[in-house]
Amino acid sequence: MSVNEKIRLIRETKGLTQEQVAEKLGVSPSAYGDIERGENDPKLSKLQKIAEFFEMSLADLVDLGEKGILNINFNNRGKQCTLIFGSSVTEKEMELKDKELALKDKEIELKNEKIADLNQIIKLLENSKA
């Protein structure tokens, strides 16, 4: 996947139009469309602006990933996103990735419960001192 295809995919994933992104970047919609179509290779400074607009690092924007997994580290309404493309990712690999994410979610849930318990202990100790 080329950088221009990745830029288009990120924009679409975020639910933005070409016009919205072009306006924020200070370019015409047709100039931005040229970037997405690969008809114009943007300068590094423009790629940096695009990365900032998508709330990601320039390195992540130009990293094309391995084995068909496009690693996009941006926050989409509070959720981390990993986009999968191409046929080189097997269904088994996707299942393993889903299980890994489910385990991480469970770990976060358990840690949040522990924090709540510790906060309750702190309140009890504070009340016992009073």
N, C-alpha and C. Protein backbone atom coordinates (compact mmCIF):
# COMPACT_ATOMS: atom_id res chain seq x y z
N MET A 1 0.86 -1.17 0.00
CA MET A 1 0.00 0.00 0.00
C MET A 1 0.90 1.23 0.00
N SER A 2 0.60 2.15 -0.86
CA SER A 2 1.40 3.37 -0.95
C SER A 2 0.95 4.39 0.10
N VAL A 3 1.77 5.39 0.30
CA VAL A 3 1.44 6.43 1.29
C VAL A 3 0.15 7.14 0.92
N ASN A 4 -0.03 7.43 -0.37
CA ASN A 4 -1.25 8.14 -0.78
C ASN A 4 -2.49 7.28 -0.51
N GLU A 5 -2.39 5.97 -0.73
CA GLU A 5 -3.53 5.09 -0.43
C GLU A 5 -3.80 5.05 1.08
N LYS A 6 -2.73 5.06 1.85
CA LYS A 6 -2.86 5.05 3.31
C LYS A 6 -3.52 6.33 3.79
N ILE A 7 -3.14 7.46 3.22
CA ILE A 7 -3.74 8.74 3.61
C ILE A 7 -5.24 8.71 3.34
N ARG A 8 -5.63 8.19 2.17
CA ARG A 8 -7.06 8.10 1.83
C ARG A 8 -7.78 7.19 2.80
N LEU A 9 -7.18 6.05 3.11
CA LEU A 9 -7.80 5.08 4.01
C LEU A 9 -7.99 5.67 5.42
N ILE A 10 -7.00 6.38 5.90
CA ILE A 10 -7.11 7.01 7.22
C ILE A 10 -8.22 8.05 7.21
N ARG A 11 -8.25 8.88 6.17
CA ARG A 11 -9.29 9.92 6.08
C ARG A 11 -10.68 9.29 6.09
N GLU A 12 -10.86 8.24 5.29
CA GLU A 12 -12.16 7.58 5.23
C GLU A 12 -12.52 6.93 6.56
N THR A 13 -11.52 6.33 7.22
CA THR A 13 -11.76 5.70 8.52
C THR A 13 -12.21 6.72 9.55
N LYS A 14 -11.67 7.92 9.46
CA LYS A 14 -12.06 8.98 10.39
C LYS A 14 -13.37 9.66 9.99
N GLY A 15 -13.93 9.25 8.85
CA GLY A 15 -15.21 9.81 8.41
C GLY A 15 -15.12 11.23 7.91
N LEU A 16 -13.99 11.59 7.33
CA LEU A 16 -13.78 12.95 6.83
C LEU A 16 -13.87 12.99 5.31
N THR A 17 -14.24 14.14 4.79
CA THR A 17 -14.25 14.34 3.34
C THR A 17 -12.90 14.92 2.92
N GLN A 18 -12.61 14.81 1.64
CA GLN A 18 -11.39 15.43 1.11
C GLN A 18 -11.43 16.94 1.34
N GLU A 19 -12.60 17.51 1.20
CA GLU A 19 -12.74 18.96 1.37
C GLU A 19 -12.40 19.39 2.80
N GLN A 20 -12.85 18.61 3.78
CA GLN A 20 -12.56 18.94 5.19
C GLN A 20 -11.05 18.91 5.46
N VAL A 21 -10.39 17.87 4.97
CA VAL A 21 -8.95 17.75 5.20
C VAL A 21 -8.21 18.86 4.45
N ALA A 22 -8.60 19.11 3.20
CA ALA A 22 -7.96 20.16 2.41
C ALA A 22 -8.05 21.51 3.10
N GLU A 23 -9.23 21.82 3.65
CA GLU A 23 -9.41 23.09 4.34
C GLU A 23 -8.47 23.22 5.53
N LYS A 24 -8.36 22.15 6.33
CA LYS A 24 -7.49 22.19 7.51
C LYS A 24 -6.02 22.29 7.13
N LEU A 25 -5.67 21.74 5.97
CA LEU A 25 -4.27 21.79 5.52
C LEU A 25 -3.95 23.07 4.77
N GLY A 26 -4.99 23.82 4.42
CA GLY A 26 -4.77 25.06 3.69
C GLY A 26 -4.43 24.86 2.22
N VAL A 27 -5.01 23.79 1.64
CA VAL A 27 -4.81 23.53 0.21
C VAL A 27 -6.18 23.39 -0.44
N SER A 28 -6.20 23.46 -1.76
CA SER A 28 -7.47 23.29 -2.46
C SER A 28 -7.88 21.81 -2.42
N PRO A 29 -9.20 21.56 -2.49
CA PRO A 29 -9.65 20.16 -2.52
C PRO A 29 -9.04 19.37 -3.68
N SER A 30 -8.85 20.03 -4.83
CA SER A 30 -8.27 19.30 -5.97
C SER A 30 -6.80 18.96 -5.70
N ALA A 31 -6.07 19.86 -5.03
CA ALA A 31 -4.67 19.58 -4.70
C ALA A 31 -4.58 18.43 -3.71
N TYR A 32 -5.48 18.40 -2.73
CA TYR A 32 -5.49 17.30 -1.77
C TYR A 32 -5.88 16.00 -2.47
N GLY A 33 -6.87 16.07 -3.36
CA GLY A 33 -7.27 14.89 -4.12
C GLY A 33 -6.12 14.33 -4.93
N ASP A 34 -5.29 15.22 -5.48
CA ASP A 34 -4.10 14.77 -6.23
C ASP A 34 -3.16 13.97 -5.33
N ILE A 35 -3.03 14.39 -4.08
CA ILE A 35 -2.18 13.66 -3.13
C ILE A 35 -2.73 12.26 -2.91
N GLU A 36 -4.04 12.15 -2.65
CA GLU A 36 -4.65 10.85 -2.40
C GLU A 36 -4.59 9.94 -3.62
N ARG A 37 -4.67 10.51 -4.80
CA ARG A 37 -4.62 9.70 -6.02
C ARG A 37 -3.19 9.38 -6.44
N GLY A 38 -2.21 9.95 -5.75
CA GLY A 38 -0.82 9.70 -6.10
C GLY A 38 -0.34 10.50 -7.29
N GLU A 39 -1.11 11.51 -7.69
CA GLU A 39 -0.73 12.34 -8.82
C GLU A 39 0.21 13.46 -8.43
N ASN A 40 0.36 13.65 -7.11
CA ASN A 40 1.25 14.69 -6.59
C ASN A 40 1.95 14.12 -5.36
N ASP A 41 3.27 14.06 -5.42
CA ASP A 41 4.03 13.59 -4.26
C ASP A 41 4.27 14.78 -3.34
N PRO A 42 3.63 14.78 -2.17
CA PRO A 42 3.76 15.93 -1.28
C PRO A 42 5.16 16.02 -0.68
N LYS A 43 5.57 17.25 -0.38
CA LYS A 43 6.83 17.47 0.31
C LYS A 43 6.71 16.92 1.72
N LEU A 44 7.85 16.72 2.34
CA LEU A 44 7.89 16.20 3.71
C LEU A 44 7.10 17.10 4.66
N SER A 45 7.18 18.40 4.46
CA SER A 45 6.46 19.33 5.34
C SER A 45 4.95 19.14 5.23
N LYS A 46 4.46 18.83 4.02
CA LYS A 46 3.03 18.59 3.83
C LYS A 46 2.62 17.26 4.48
N LEU A 47 3.50 16.25 4.34
CA LEU A 47 3.21 14.97 5.00
C LEU A 47 3.15 15.14 6.52
N GLN A 48 4.03 16.01 7.04
CA GLN A 48 4.03 16.27 8.49
C GLN A 48 2.70 16.91 8.91
N LYS A 49 2.21 17.86 8.11
CA LYS A 49 0.92 18.50 8.42
C LYS A 49 -0.22 17.49 8.36
N ILE A 50 -0.17 16.60 7.38
CA ILE A 50 -1.20 15.57 7.26
C ILE A 50 -1.16 14.66 8.48
N ALA A 51 0.03 14.24 8.88
CA ALA A 51 0.18 13.37 10.06
C ALA A 51 -0.36 14.06 11.30
N GLU A 52 -0.02 15.33 11.49
CA GLU A 52 -0.51 16.08 12.65
C GLU A 52 -2.03 16.18 12.63
N PHE A 53 -2.59 16.44 11.45
CA PHE A 53 -4.04 16.54 11.35
C PHE A 53 -4.70 15.22 11.73
N PHE A 54 -4.09 14.10 11.34
CA PHE A 54 -4.64 12.78 11.66
C PHE A 54 -4.24 12.32 13.06
N GLU A 55 -3.58 13.20 13.83
CA GLU A 55 -3.18 12.91 15.21
C GLU A 55 -2.29 11.68 15.29
N MET A 56 -1.26 11.67 14.45
CA MET A 56 -0.31 10.58 14.44
C MET A 56 1.07 11.12 14.09
N SER A 57 2.08 10.31 14.30
CA SER A 57 3.43 10.75 13.97
C SER A 57 3.68 10.58 12.48
N LEU A 58 4.64 11.33 11.98
CA LEU A 58 5.02 11.21 10.58
C LEU A 58 5.54 9.80 10.31
N ALA A 59 6.29 9.24 11.27
CA ALA A 59 6.81 7.88 11.11
C ALA A 59 5.68 6.87 10.93
N ASP A 60 4.60 7.03 11.72
CA ASP A 60 3.46 6.11 11.58
C ASP A 60 2.75 6.31 10.24
N LEU A 61 2.70 7.54 9.78
CA LEU A 61 2.03 7.81 8.51
C LEU A 61 2.76 7.14 7.36
N VAL A 62 4.07 7.19 7.35
CA VAL A 62 4.82 6.62 6.22
C VAL A 62 5.20 5.17 6.43
N ASP A 63 4.97 4.60 7.64
CA ASP A 63 5.23 3.18 7.90
C ASP A 63 4.16 2.37 7.19
N LEU A 64 4.59 1.52 6.29
CA LEU A 64 3.62 0.74 5.52
C LEU A 64 3.35 -0.64 6.12
N GLY A 65 3.94 -0.92 7.26
CA GLY A 65 3.63 -2.15 7.98
C GLY A 65 4.17 -3.40 7.32
N GLU A 66 3.86 -4.52 7.93
CA GLU A 66 4.28 -5.82 7.44
C GLU A 66 3.09 -6.75 7.33
N LYS A 67 3.21 -7.74 6.47
CA LYS A 67 2.23 -8.82 6.36
C LYS A 67 0.80 -8.30 6.20
N GLY A 68 0.63 -7.18 5.55
CA GLY A 68 -0.72 -6.70 5.30
C GLY A 68 -1.38 -6.02 6.46
N ILE A 69 -0.65 -5.83 7.56
CA ILE A 69 -1.24 -5.12 8.70
C ILE A 69 -0.75 -3.69 8.64
N LEU A 70 -1.66 -2.78 8.53
CA LEU A 70 -1.32 -1.37 8.47
C LEU A 70 -1.45 -0.81 9.87
N ASN A 71 -0.34 -0.50 10.50
CA ASN A 71 -0.36 -0.01 11.88
C ASN A 71 -0.60 1.48 11.87
N ILE A 72 -1.77 1.87 12.26
CA ILE A 72 -2.13 3.27 12.32
C ILE A 72 -2.44 3.59 13.77
N ASN A 73 -1.60 4.40 14.35
CA ASN A 73 -1.79 4.73 15.76
C ASN A 73 -2.43 6.10 15.88
N PHE A 74 -3.73 6.12 15.81
CA PHE A 74 -4.44 7.35 16.07
C PHE A 74 -5.64 7.05 16.94
N ASN A 75 -6.09 8.08 17.61
CA ASN A 75 -7.18 7.91 18.55
C ASN A 75 -8.47 8.28 17.84
N ASN A 76 -9.35 7.32 17.62
CA ASN A 76 -10.61 7.56 16.94
C ASN A 76 -11.73 7.43 17.96
N ARG A 77 -12.15 8.56 18.49
CA ARG A 77 -13.20 8.60 19.51
C ARG A 77 -12.86 7.69 20.69
N GLY A 78 -11.61 7.78 21.15
CA GLY A 78 -11.20 7.05 22.32
C GLY A 78 -10.77 5.62 22.08
N LYS A 79 -10.71 5.19 20.82
CA LYS A 79 -10.34 3.80 20.54
C LYS A 79 -9.12 3.77 19.63
N GLN A 80 -8.21 2.87 19.92
CA GLN A 80 -7.04 2.64 19.08
C GLN A 80 -7.49 1.88 17.84
N CYS A 81 -6.98 2.22 16.68
CA CYS A 81 -7.40 1.58 15.44
C CYS A 81 -6.24 0.86 14.78
N THR A 82 -6.47 -0.34 14.32
CA THR A 82 -5.54 -1.06 13.47
C THR A 82 -6.32 -1.47 12.24
N LEU A 83 -5.88 -1.00 11.09
CA LEU A 83 -6.58 -1.31 9.85
C LEU A 83 -5.89 -2.49 9.18
N ILE A 84 -6.68 -3.43 8.67
CA ILE A 84 -6.17 -4.60 8.00
C ILE A 84 -6.46 -4.46 6.51
N PHE A 85 -5.47 -4.76 5.65
CA PHE A 85 -5.68 -4.67 4.22
C PHE A 85 -5.02 -5.86 3.54
N GLY A 86 -5.36 -6.06 2.30
CA GLY A 86 -4.70 -7.08 1.50
C GLY A 86 -5.11 -8.49 1.87
N SER A 87 -4.62 -9.44 1.10
CA SER A 87 -4.98 -10.83 1.31
C SER A 87 -3.92 -11.59 2.08
N SER A 88 -2.85 -10.92 2.47
CA SER A 88 -1.77 -11.64 3.13
C SER A 88 -2.05 -11.88 4.62
N VAL A 89 -3.12 -11.32 5.15
CA VAL A 89 -3.48 -11.56 6.54
C VAL A 89 -4.51 -12.68 6.55
N THR A 90 -4.17 -13.75 7.25
CA THR A 90 -5.09 -14.89 7.29
C THR A 90 -6.18 -14.64 8.33
N GLU A 91 -7.23 -15.41 8.20
CA GLU A 91 -8.33 -15.30 9.17
C GLU A 91 -7.84 -15.68 10.56
N LYS A 92 -6.93 -16.66 10.62
CA LYS A 92 -6.37 -17.09 11.90
C LYS A 92 -5.59 -15.94 12.55
N GLU A 93 -4.79 -15.20 11.76
CA GLU A 93 -4.05 -14.06 12.29
C GLU A 93 -4.99 -12.99 12.82
N MET A 94 -6.09 -12.77 12.12
CA MET A 94 -7.06 -11.78 12.57
C MET A 94 -7.73 -12.24 13.87
N GLU A 95 -8.02 -13.54 13.98
CA GLU A 95 -8.61 -14.07 15.21
C GLU A 95 -7.65 -13.90 16.38
N LEU A 96 -6.38 -14.19 16.15
CA LEU A 96 -5.38 -14.02 17.21
C LEU A 96 -5.27 -12.57 17.63
N LYS A 97 -5.32 -11.65 16.67
CA LYS A 97 -5.25 -10.22 16.98
C LYS A 97 -6.47 -9.81 17.80
N ASP A 98 -7.65 -10.32 17.44
CA ASP A 98 -8.86 -10.02 18.20
C ASP A 98 -8.77 -10.55 19.63
N LYS A 99 -8.23 -11.77 19.80
CA LYS A 99 -8.08 -12.35 21.13
C LYS A 99 -7.08 -11.54 21.95
N GLU A 100 -6.01 -11.10 21.30
CA GLU A 100 -5.01 -10.27 21.99
C GLU A 100 -5.64 -8.97 22.49
N LEU A 101 -6.44 -8.34 21.65
CA LEU A 101 -7.12 -7.10 22.05
C LEU A 101 -8.12 -7.36 23.18
N ALA A 102 -8.82 -8.48 23.12
CA ALA A 102 -9.79 -8.81 24.17
C ALA A 102 -9.07 -9.02 25.51
N LEU A 103 -7.91 -9.68 25.46
CA LEU A 103 -7.14 -9.87 26.69
C LEU A 103 -6.65 -8.54 27.26
N LYS A 104 -6.22 -7.65 26.40
CA LYS A 104 -5.76 -6.34 26.86
C LYS A 104 -6.92 -5.55 27.46
N ASP A 105 -8.10 -5.65 26.84
CA ASP A 105 -9.28 -4.98 27.40
C ASP A 105 -9.63 -5.53 28.78
N LYS A 106 -9.53 -6.86 28.94
CA LYS A 106 -9.82 -7.50 30.22
C LYS A 106 -8.80 -7.06 31.28
N GLU A 107 -7.52 -6.97 30.86
CA GLU A 107 -6.47 -6.52 31.78
C GLU A 107 -6.75 -5.09 32.26
N ILE A 108 -7.16 -4.24 31.35
CA ILE A 108 -7.49 -2.86 31.72
C ILE A 108 -8.67 -2.85 32.69
N GLU A 109 -9.68 -3.66 32.40
CA GLU A 109 -10.86 -3.74 33.27
C GLU A 109 -10.46 -4.17 34.69
N LEU A 110 -9.60 -5.18 34.78
CA LEU A 110 -9.16 -5.66 36.09
C LEU A 110 -8.35 -4.60 36.83
N LYS A 111 -7.52 -3.89 36.12
CA LYS A 111 -6.72 -2.84 36.76
C LYS A 111 -7.62 -1.70 37.23
N ASN A 112 -8.65 -1.38 36.46
CA ASN A 112 -9.59 -0.34 36.88
C ASN A 112 -10.35 -0.77 38.13
N GLU A 113 -10.70 -2.05 38.22
CA GLU A 113 -11.37 -2.56 39.41
C GLU A 113 -10.44 -2.47 40.62
N LYS A 114 -9.16 -2.79 40.42
CA LYS A 114 -8.19 -2.71 41.51
C LYS A 114 -8.03 -1.26 41.97
N ILE A 115 -8.00 -0.33 41.04
CA ILE A 115 -7.91 1.09 41.39
C ILE A 115 -9.12 1.50 42.21
N ALA A 116 -10.30 1.07 41.80
CA ALA A 116 -11.52 1.39 42.55
C ALA A 116 -11.46 0.83 43.97
N ASP A 117 -10.98 -0.41 44.09
CA ASP A 117 -10.85 -1.02 45.42
C ASP A 117 -9.86 -0.23 46.29
N LEU A 118 -8.73 0.13 45.71
CA LEU A 118 -7.73 0.90 46.45
C LEU A 118 -8.26 2.27 46.87
N ASN A 119 -9.02 2.90 46.00
CA ASN A 119 -9.63 4.19 46.34
C ASN A 119 -10.61 4.04 47.51
N GLN A 120 -11.34 2.93 47.52
CA GLN A 120 -12.27 2.67 48.61
C GLN A 120 -11.51 2.45 49.93
N ILE A 121 -10.40 1.74 49.87
CA ILE A 121 -9.57 1.52 51.06
C ILE A 121 -9.03 2.85 51.58
N ILE A 122 -8.61 3.71 50.67
CA ILE A 122 -8.09 5.03 51.07
C ILE A 122 -9.19 5.82 51.79
N LYS A 123 -10.40 5.81 51.24
CA LYS A 123 -11.50 6.53 51.88
C LYS A 123 -11.79 5.96 53.27
N LEU A 124 -11.76 4.64 53.42
CA LEU A 124 -12.01 4.02 54.72
C LEU A 124 -10.93 4.43 55.72
N LEU A 125 -9.68 4.45 55.27
CA LEU A 125 -8.59 4.85 56.16
C LEU A 125 -8.70 6.32 56.56
N GLU A 126 -9.09 7.16 55.62
CA GLU A 126 -9.26 8.58 55.91
C GLU A 126 -10.40 8.79 56.90
N ASN A 127 -11.48 8.04 56.74
CA ASN A 127 -12.62 8.15 57.65
C ASN A 127 -12.28 7.63 59.04
N SER A 128 -11.43 6.61 59.10
CA SER A 128 -11.06 6.06 60.42
C SER A 128 -10.16 7.02 61.20
N LYS A 129 -9.43 7.89 60.49
CA LYS A 129 -8.56 8.87 61.16
C LYS A 129 -9.38 10.04 61.70
N ALA A 130 -10.52 10.29 61.12
CA ALA A 130 -11.31 11.46 61.49
C ALA A 130 -12.06 11.30 62.77
